[in-house]
Amino acid sequence: MKQIVCSLAFTMILFVASSQQVDRMNPDGINKPATYSQVVRVNKGTMVFTSGIVSDNEKGEIIGKGDLKAQTKQCFENLKIALAAAGAEFKDVVKINYYVVNYDRSQVGLIREVRSNYLDTKALPASTLAGVQALFHPDVLIEIEAIAVVPKKKKKS
């Protein structure tokens, strides 16, 4: 009987562990940043990949010319629309990449300030920020791309 109980308990532990959609980790041995996760492991779900999202509107006009904060906000608003179209939300984002024209370290606080209005600070995605010389249009200062994992819906019995 004791073996059966132990076996059932082990099976339950495995079930609970495998039912997690995403594991966000900052493992021992490397830096543990407060602003992103070093590793994100996807166990289940549908993956969603966005193209680079910029600060244009529906007509293709750049919003916030010359203003990185305004462009970052518009990028996140556009990203919200793109994610929703695929059935995802910001809480589902597991990886996010930022490309910033003529990046300077003083800009990271501004980007994080805007980002904090959209991303769940308790479940931060893996993240990369790269300074680039230029993007596809001279008025575009930032481009953001994301990968999200939408949990699979449980079938009703």
C-alpha atoms as a PDB file:
ATOM      1  CA  MET A   1       0.000   0.000   0.000  1.00  0.00           C
ATOM      2  CA  LYS A   2       2.817   2.387   0.921  1.00  0.00           C
ATOM      3  CA  GLN A   3       4.401   1.806  -2.518  1.00  0.00           C
ATOM      4  CA  ILE A   4       1.123   2.603  -4.272  1.00  0.00           C
ATOM      5  CA  VAL A   5       0.728   5.847  -2.298  1.00  0.00           C
ATOM      6  CA  CYS A   6       4.344   6.826  -3.071  1.00  0.00           C
ATOM      7  CA  SER A   7       3.835   5.969  -6.734  1.00  0.00           C
ATOM      8  CA  LEU A   8       0.638   8.061  -6.887  1.00  0.00           C
ATOM      9  CA  ALA A   9       2.360  10.981  -5.154  1.00  0.00           C
ATOM     10  CA  PHE A  10       5.267  10.822  -7.624  1.00  0.00           C
ATOM     11  CA  THR A  11       2.822  10.679 -10.557  1.00  0.00           C
ATOM     12  CA  MET A  12       0.992  13.746  -9.192  1.00  0.00           C
ATOM     13  CA  ILE A  13       4.288  15.642  -8.860  1.00  0.00           C
ATOM     14  CA  LEU A  14       5.161  14.792 -12.461  1.00  0.00           C
ATOM     15  CA  PHE A  15       1.679  15.813 -13.618  1.00  0.00           C
ATOM     16  CA  VAL A  16       1.842  19.174 -11.815  1.00  0.00           C
ATOM     17  CA  ALA A  17       5.361  19.808 -13.116  1.00  0.00           C
ATOM     18  CA  SER A  18       4.392  18.897 -16.680  1.00  0.00           C
ATOM     19  CA  SER A  19       1.194  20.962 -16.547  1.00  0.00           C
ATOM     20  CA  GLN A  20       3.212  24.170 -16.227  1.00  0.00           C
ATOM     21  CA  GLN A  21       3.154  25.992 -19.569  1.00  0.00           C
ATOM     22  CA  VAL A  22       6.324  28.034 -19.101  1.00  0.00           C
ATOM     23  CA  ASP A  23       9.236  27.975 -16.664  1.00  0.00           C
ATOM     24  CA  ARG A  24      11.094  31.277 -16.210  1.00  0.00           C
ATOM     25  CA  MET A  25      14.520  30.848 -14.645  1.00  0.00           C
ATOM     26  CA  ASN A  26      17.582  32.732 -13.459  1.00  0.00           C
ATOM     27  CA  PRO A  27      19.821  29.748 -12.653  1.00  0.00           C
ATOM     28  CA  ASP A  28      22.681  29.695 -10.166  1.00  0.00           C
ATOM     29  CA  GLY A  29      26.050  30.435 -11.706  1.00  0.00           C
ATOM     30  CA  ILE A  30      24.974  33.377 -13.877  1.00  0.00           C
ATOM     31  CA  ASN A  31      23.657  36.871 -13.191  1.00  0.00           C
ATOM     32  CA  LYS A  32      20.121  36.992 -11.771  1.00  0.00           C
ATOM     33  CA  PRO A  33      18.678  40.191 -13.304  1.00  0.00           C
ATOM     34  CA  ALA A  34      15.560  41.768 -11.863  1.00  0.00           C
ATOM     35  CA  THR A  35      14.399  43.071 -15.244  1.00  0.00           C
ATOM     36  CA  TYR A  36      14.271  39.893 -17.375  1.00  0.00           C
ATOM     37  CA  SER A  37      14.621  36.105 -17.188  1.00  0.00           C
ATOM     38  CA  GLN A  38      17.861  34.469 -18.366  1.00  0.00           C
ATOM     39  CA  VAL A  39      16.071  31.299 -19.498  1.00  0.00           C
ATOM     40  CA  VAL A  40      12.495  30.511 -20.457  1.00  0.00           C
ATOM     41  CA  ARG A  41      11.516  26.895 -21.082  1.00  0.00           C
ATOM     42  CA  VAL A  42       8.274  26.149 -22.906  1.00  0.00           C
ATOM     43  CA  ASN A  43       6.563  22.908 -21.930  1.00  0.00           C
ATOM     44  CA  LYS A  44       3.198  23.228 -23.656  1.00  0.00           C
ATOM     45  CA  GLY A  45       1.218  25.660 -25.721  1.00  0.00           C
ATOM     46  CA  THR A  46       1.010  27.273 -29.116  1.00  0.00           C
ATOM     47  CA  MET A  47       3.985  29.426 -30.066  1.00  0.00           C
ATOM     48  CA  VAL A  48       3.370  32.877 -31.560  1.00  0.00           C
ATOM     49  CA  PHE A  49       6.137  34.838 -33.322  1.00  0.00           C
ATOM     50  CA  THR A  50       5.786  38.494 -34.249  1.00  0.00           C
ATOM     51  CA  SER A  51       7.721  40.369 -36.857  1.00  0.00           C
ATOM     52  CA  GLY A  52       9.573  43.452 -35.741  1.00  0.00           C
ATOM     53  CA  ILE A  53       6.896  45.857 -34.536  1.00  0.00           C
ATOM     54  CA  VAL A  54       7.505  49.578 -35.035  1.00  0.00           C
ATOM     55  CA  SER A  55       5.644  52.747 -34.086  1.00  0.00           C
ATOM     56  CA  ASP A  56       3.538  53.130 -37.208  1.00  0.00           C
ATOM     57  CA  ASN A  57      -0.215  53.477 -37.306  1.00  0.00           C
ATOM     58  CA  GLU A  58      -2.719  51.641 -39.498  1.00  0.00           C
ATOM     59  CA  LYS A  59      -1.876  53.940 -42.429  1.00  0.00           C
ATOM     60  CA  GLY A  60       1.862  53.246 -42.085  1.00  0.00           C
ATOM     61  CA  GLU A  61       2.648  56.694 -40.650  1.00  0.00           C
ATOM     62  CA  ILE A  62       5.385  56.798 -38.000  1.00  0.00           C
ATOM     63  CA  ILE A  63       4.056  57.932 -34.602  1.00  0.00           C
ATOM     64  CA  GLY A  64       6.424  59.895 -32.318  1.00  0.00           C
ATOM     65  CA  LYS A  65       9.064  61.001 -34.805  1.00  0.00           C
ATOM     66  CA  GLY A  66      12.248  61.826 -32.899  1.00  0.00           C
ATOM     67  CA  ASP A  67      10.744  60.678 -29.553  1.00  0.00           C
ATOM     68  CA  LEU A  68      11.986  57.273 -28.332  1.00  0.00           C
ATOM     69  CA  LYS A  69       9.501  57.114 -25.444  1.00  0.00           C
ATOM     70  CA  ALA A  70       6.510  57.833 -27.692  1.00  0.00           C
ATOM     71  CA  GLN A  71       7.738  55.305 -30.247  1.00  0.00           C
ATOM     72  CA  THR A  72       8.305  52.650 -27.574  1.00  0.00           C
ATOM     73  CA  LYS A  73       4.751  53.166 -26.271  1.00  0.00           C
ATOM     74  CA  GLN A  74       3.321  52.905 -29.799  1.00  0.00           C
ATOM     75  CA  CYS A  75       5.374  49.747 -30.417  1.00  0.00           C
ATOM     76  CA  PHE A  76       3.855  48.150 -27.310  1.00  0.00           C
ATOM     77  CA  GLU A  77       0.352  49.239 -28.360  1.00  0.00           C
ATOM     78  CA  ASN A  78       0.933  47.697 -31.799  1.00  0.00           C
ATOM     79  CA  LEU A  79       2.410  44.582 -30.194  1.00  0.00           C
ATOM     80  CA  LYS A  80      -0.727  44.262 -28.024  1.00  0.00           C
ATOM     81  CA  ILE A  81      -2.840  44.218 -31.208  1.00  0.00           C
ATOM     82  CA  ALA A  82      -0.547  41.716 -32.934  1.00  0.00           C
ATOM     83  CA  LEU A  83      -0.531  39.354 -29.938  1.00  0.00           C
ATOM     84  CA  ALA A  84      -4.321  39.575 -29.534  1.00  0.00           C
ATOM     85  CA  ALA A  85      -4.798  38.627 -33.194  1.00  0.00           C
ATOM     86  CA  ALA A  86      -3.055  35.330 -32.386  1.00  0.00           C
ATOM     87  CA  GLY A  87      -4.956  34.819 -29.125  1.00  0.00           C
ATOM     88  CA  ALA A  88      -2.033  35.912 -26.944  1.00  0.00           C
ATOM     89  CA  GLU A  89      -1.500  38.562 -24.271  1.00  0.00           C
ATOM     90  CA  PHE A  90       1.602  40.174 -22.791  1.00  0.00           C
ATOM     91  CA  LYS A  91       1.561  37.620 -19.961  1.00  0.00           C
ATOM     92  CA  ASP A  92       2.196  34.961 -22.638  1.00  0.00           C
ATOM     93  CA  VAL A  93       5.390  36.606 -23.959  1.00  0.00           C
ATOM     94  CA  VAL A  94       8.448  34.442 -23.280  1.00  0.00           C
ATOM     95  CA  LYS A  95      11.070  36.295 -25.379  1.00  0.00           C
ATOM     96  CA  ILE A  96      11.312  39.916 -26.450  1.00  0.00           C
ATOM     97  CA  ASN A  97      13.973  41.633 -28.561  1.00  0.00           C
ATOM     98  CA  TYR A  98      14.536  45.378 -28.808  1.00  0.00           C
ATOM     99  CA  TYR A  99      16.510  47.056 -31.592  1.00  0.00           C
ATOM    100  CA  VAL A 100      17.300  50.698 -30.845  1.00  0.00           C
ATOM    101  CA  VAL A 101      18.891  53.105 -33.323  1.00  0.00           C
ATOM    102  CA  ASN A 102      22.061  54.766 -31.963  1.00  0.00           C
ATOM    103  CA  TYR A 103      21.446  53.157 -28.571  1.00  0.00           C
ATOM    104  CA  ASP A 104      22.951  54.811 -25.542  1.00  0.00           C
ATOM    105  CA  ARG A 105      22.734  53.299 -22.040  1.00  0.00           C
ATOM    106  CA  SER A 106      20.747  56.254 -20.742  1.00  0.00           C
ATOM    107  CA  GLN A 107      17.805  55.052 -22.865  1.00  0.00           C
ATOM    108  CA  VAL A 108      17.340  51.713 -21.096  1.00  0.00           C
ATOM    109  CA  GLY A 109      15.456  53.311 -18.172  1.00  0.00           C
ATOM    110  CA  LEU A 110      13.029  54.979 -20.552  1.00  0.00           C
ATOM    111  CA  ILE A 111      12.358  51.711 -22.400  1.00  0.00           C
ATOM    112  CA  ARG A 112      11.892  49.820 -19.108  1.00  0.00           C
ATOM    113  CA  GLU A 113       9.526  52.513 -17.845  1.00  0.00           C
ATOM    114  CA  VAL A 114       7.240  52.067 -20.843  1.00  0.00           C
ATOM    115  CA  ARG A 115       7.647  48.276 -20.816  1.00  0.00           C
ATOM    116  CA  SER A 116       6.549  48.076 -17.163  1.00  0.00           C
ATOM    117  CA  ASN A 117       3.082  49.269 -18.209  1.00  0.00           C
ATOM    118  CA  TYR A 118       2.669  46.194 -20.415  1.00  0.00           C
ATOM    119  CA  LEU A 119       4.729  43.258 -19.132  1.00  0.00           C
ATOM    120  CA  ASP A 120       4.080  41.358 -15.925  1.00  0.00           C
ATOM    121  CA  THR A 121       7.088  42.090 -13.714  1.00  0.00           C
ATOM    122  CA  LYS A 122       6.495  38.796 -11.865  1.00  0.00           C
ATOM    123  CA  ALA A 123       6.816  36.749 -15.071  1.00  0.00           C
ATOM    124  CA  LEU A 124       9.426  38.544 -17.152  1.00  0.00           C
ATOM    125  CA  PRO A 125      10.366  37.169 -20.566  1.00  0.00           C
ATOM    126  CA  ALA A 126      13.875  36.451 -21.748  1.00  0.00           C
ATOM    127  CA  SER A 127      15.100  39.691 -23.296  1.00  0.00           C
ATOM    128  CA  THR A 128      17.682  41.134 -25.664  1.00  0.00           C
ATOM    129  CA  LEU A 129      18.367  44.812 -26.364  1.00  0.00           C
ATOM    130  CA  ALA A 130      20.663  45.626 -29.278  1.00  0.00           C
ATOM    131  CA  GLY A 131      21.865  48.986 -30.480  1.00  0.00           C
ATOM    132  CA  VAL A 132      21.734  49.244 -34.257  1.00  0.00           C
ATOM    133  CA  GLN A 133      22.936  51.822 -36.750  1.00  0.00           C
ATOM    134  CA  ALA A 134      19.627  52.065 -38.595  1.00  0.00           C
ATOM    135  CA  LEU A 135      16.284  50.368 -39.138  1.00  0.00           C
ATOM    136  CA  PHE A 136      14.156  50.133 -42.280  1.00  0.00           C
ATOM    137  CA  HIS A 137      12.988  53.776 -42.164  1.00  0.00           C
ATOM    138  CA  PRO A 138      15.024  56.811 -41.034  1.00  0.00           C
ATOM    139  CA  ASP A 139      12.277  57.984 -38.615  1.00  0.00           C
ATOM    140  CA  VAL A 140      12.032  54.619 -36.815  1.00  0.00           C
ATOM    141  CA  LEU A 141      14.024  54.658 -33.555  1.00  0.00           C
ATOM    142  CA  ILE A 142      12.981  51.288 -32.088  1.00  0.00           C
ATOM    143  CA  GLU A 143      11.709  47.932 -33.302  1.00  0.00           C
ATOM    144  CA  ILE A 144      10.388  45.228 -30.969  1.00  0.00           C
ATOM    145  CA  GLU A 145       9.750  41.574 -31.723  1.00  0.00           C
ATOM    146  CA  ALA A 146       8.238  38.984 -29.422  1.00  0.00           C
ATOM    147  CA  ILE A 147       7.674  35.281 -29.003  1.00  0.00           C
ATOM    148  CA  ALA A 148       4.661  34.202 -26.956  1.00  0.00           C
ATOM    149  CA  VAL A 149       3.278  30.868 -25.838  1.00  0.00           C
ATOM    150  CA  VAL A 150      -0.490  30.610 -25.640  1.00  0.00           C
ATOM    151  CA  PRO A 151      -1.590  27.889 -23.212  1.00  0.00           C
ATOM    152  CA  LYS A 152      -3.514  25.052 -24.808  1.00  0.00           C
ATOM    153  CA  LYS A 153      -7.116  25.104 -23.699  1.00  0.00           C
ATOM    154  CA  LYS A 154      -8.270  22.131 -21.724  1.00  0.00           C
ATOM    155  CA  LYS A 155     -10.921  20.044 -23.430  1.00  0.00           C
ATOM    156  CA  LYS A 156     -14.284  20.015 -21.713  1.00  0.00           C
ATOM    157  CA  SER A 157     -15.420  16.583 -20.608  1.00  0.00           C
END
